[in-house]
N, C-alpha and C. Protein backbone atom coordinates (compact mmCIF):
# COMPACT_ATOMS: atom_id res chain seq x y z
N MET A 1 4.60 -49.42 -84.59
CA MET A 1 4.50 -50.03 -82.66
C MET A 1 2.97 -50.07 -83.08
N SER A 2 2.69 -51.05 -82.55
CA SER A 2 1.11 -50.98 -82.03
C SER A 2 1.09 -50.46 -80.48
N ASN A 3 -0.02 -50.48 -79.88
CA ASN A 3 -0.27 -50.22 -78.57
C ASN A 3 -0.26 -51.64 -77.87
N GLN A 4 0.89 -52.25 -77.45
CA GLN A 4 0.53 -53.23 -76.64
C GLN A 4 0.39 -52.91 -75.37
N PRO A 5 -0.45 -54.02 -74.79
CA PRO A 5 -0.82 -53.85 -72.59
C PRO A 5 1.19 -53.81 -72.43
N TYR A 6 1.82 -54.83 -72.62
CA TYR A 6 3.59 -54.77 -72.04
C TYR A 6 3.69 -53.53 -71.91
N VAL A 7 4.23 -52.41 -72.38
CA VAL A 7 4.47 -51.26 -72.97
C VAL A 7 3.51 -50.07 -71.68
N PHE A 8 2.19 -50.27 -72.13
CA PHE A 8 1.36 -49.39 -70.82
C PHE A 8 1.62 -49.87 -69.71
N ALA A 9 1.79 -51.72 -69.17
CA ALA A 9 1.85 -51.76 -68.21
C ALA A 9 3.44 -51.19 -67.27
N VAL A 10 4.45 -51.57 -68.20
CA VAL A 10 5.79 -51.23 -67.89
C VAL A 10 5.66 -49.24 -67.26
N LEU A 11 4.87 -48.33 -68.24
CA LEU A 11 4.94 -47.38 -68.00
C LEU A 11 4.50 -47.45 -66.27
N VAL A 12 3.16 -47.46 -66.39
CA VAL A 12 2.46 -47.60 -65.59
C VAL A 12 3.57 -48.12 -63.97
N LEU A 13 4.50 -48.70 -63.95
CA LEU A 13 5.31 -49.68 -63.38
C LEU A 13 5.88 -48.26 -63.04
N LEU A 14 6.84 -47.76 -64.28
CA LEU A 14 7.86 -46.73 -64.04
C LEU A 14 7.47 -45.72 -62.77
N GLY A 15 5.77 -45.13 -63.01
CA GLY A 15 5.78 -44.21 -62.78
C GLY A 15 5.29 -44.29 -61.18
N PHE A 16 4.57 -45.86 -61.50
CA PHE A 16 4.52 -45.96 -59.98
C PHE A 16 5.92 -46.33 -58.98
N PHE A 17 7.08 -46.64 -59.23
CA PHE A 17 7.95 -46.74 -58.10
C PHE A 17 9.08 -45.26 -58.32
N SER A 18 8.64 -44.66 -59.64
CA SER A 18 9.33 -42.86 -59.26
C SER A 18 8.45 -42.16 -58.10
N ILE A 19 6.73 -42.73 -57.86
CA ILE A 19 6.23 -41.46 -56.61
C ILE A 19 6.64 -42.12 -55.39
N THR A 20 6.78 -43.78 -55.66
CA THR A 20 7.31 -43.92 -53.98
C THR A 20 8.44 -43.87 -53.93
N ALA A 21 9.79 -43.55 -54.35
CA ALA A 21 10.70 -43.63 -54.11
C ALA A 21 10.39 -42.01 -53.66
N ALA A 22 10.21 -40.84 -54.75
CA ALA A 22 10.47 -39.99 -54.06
C ALA A 22 9.32 -39.37 -52.73
N SER A 23 8.28 -40.37 -52.69
CA SER A 23 7.76 -40.08 -51.70
C SER A 23 8.47 -40.52 -49.76
N VAL A 24 8.90 -41.29 -50.36
CA VAL A 24 10.57 -42.03 -49.43
C VAL A 24 11.52 -41.09 -48.80
N ILE A 25 12.13 -40.78 -50.23
CA ILE A 25 13.26 -39.61 -49.96
C ILE A 25 11.90 -38.35 -49.35
N GLY A 26 10.88 -37.79 -50.01
CA GLY A 26 10.52 -36.66 -48.93
C GLY A 26 10.20 -36.74 -47.47
N ILE A 27 9.81 -38.38 -46.89
CA ILE A 27 9.56 -38.48 -45.76
C ILE A 27 10.94 -38.49 -44.84
N ARG A 28 12.21 -38.92 -45.44
CA ARG A 28 13.40 -38.90 -44.96
C ARG A 28 13.98 -37.43 -44.60
N ALA A 29 13.68 -36.91 -45.80
CA ALA A 29 14.31 -35.04 -45.55
C ALA A 29 14.05 -34.44 -44.40
N LEU A 30 11.88 -34.63 -44.50
CA LEU A 30 11.31 -34.00 -43.70
C LEU A 30 11.96 -34.86 -42.13
N ARG A 31 12.10 -35.96 -42.02
CA ARG A 31 12.63 -36.46 -40.27
C ARG A 31 14.23 -35.67 -40.21
N ARG A 32 14.83 -35.63 -41.22
CA ARG A 32 16.39 -35.29 -40.63
C ARG A 32 16.23 -33.86 -40.39
N HIS A 33 15.45 -32.74 -40.87
CA HIS A 33 14.85 -31.72 -40.64
C HIS A 33 14.34 -31.33 -39.49
N ARG A 34 13.08 -32.49 -39.02
CA ARG A 34 12.65 -32.19 -38.03
C ARG A 34 13.44 -32.49 -36.76
N ARG A 35 14.66 -33.30 -36.96
CA ARG A 35 15.67 -33.83 -35.96
C ARG A 35 16.79 -32.54 -36.11
N ARG A 36 17.11 -32.35 -36.75
CA ARG A 36 18.17 -30.91 -36.70
C ARG A 36 17.25 -29.81 -36.39
N ALA A 37 16.27 -29.77 -36.26
CA ALA A 37 15.32 -28.60 -34.83
C ALA A 37 15.32 -28.80 -34.06
N ASN A 38 14.81 -30.39 -33.59
CA ASN A 38 15.01 -30.63 -32.30
C ASN A 38 16.37 -30.53 -31.63
N TYR A 39 17.44 -30.90 -31.91
CA TYR A 39 18.69 -31.04 -31.61
C TYR A 39 19.15 -29.46 -31.10
N LEU A 40 18.67 -28.09 -32.60
CA LEU A 40 18.95 -26.95 -32.54
C LEU A 40 18.81 -26.29 -31.58
N GLY A 41 17.24 -26.18 -31.43
CA GLY A 41 16.13 -25.00 -30.51
C GLY A 41 15.47 -26.16 -29.32
N GLU A 42 14.65 -26.28 -30.35
CA GLU A 42 13.91 -27.26 -29.43
C GLU A 42 13.86 -27.99 -28.43
N GLN A 43 13.32 -28.26 -27.34
CA GLN A 43 14.10 -29.14 -26.01
C GLN A 43 13.64 -30.64 -26.50
N THR A 44 12.13 -30.53 -26.80
CA THR A 44 11.27 -31.23 -27.13
C THR A 44 12.10 -32.86 -27.55
N PRO A 45 12.14 -33.90 -26.43
CA PRO A 45 12.68 -34.90 -27.38
C PRO A 45 12.21 -35.73 -28.14
N PRO A 46 12.92 -36.58 -29.75
CA PRO A 46 12.70 -36.92 -30.66
C PRO A 46 11.23 -37.92 -30.33
N PRO A 47 10.49 -38.59 -30.58
CA PRO A 47 9.40 -39.86 -30.51
C PRO A 47 10.55 -40.87 -30.74
N SER A 48 10.12 -42.25 -29.75
CA SER A 48 11.07 -42.85 -29.87
C SER A 48 10.16 -43.90 -31.04
N ARG A 49 9.97 -43.51 -31.97
CA ARG A 49 8.98 -44.86 -33.37
C ARG A 49 10.42 -44.50 -33.84
N GLU A 50 11.44 -43.65 -34.67
CA GLU A 50 12.06 -42.88 -35.08
C GLU A 50 13.33 -44.05 -34.78
N THR A 51 13.59 -44.68 -33.60
CA THR A 51 14.33 -45.80 -33.04
C THR A 51 14.97 -46.61 -33.84
N THR A 52 14.17 -46.81 -34.73
CA THR A 52 14.82 -48.41 -35.53
C THR A 52 15.28 -47.52 -36.43
C-alpha cells in the first residue's frame, strides 16, 4: 500500500477528534469538581456563566 494522502488525512482527523473529546471531558470533570468543592466547603456562589 502506497502512502495515500487520504489515509494520512483520516489519521489526522482521528487524532484531532480524540484531542477535542479529551479536552471536553476534562473541562466537564473540572467543572463538576469545582461545583462539588463549592457545595461542600466553600461558600462562594458558582459563576452565573455555568447556568447554561
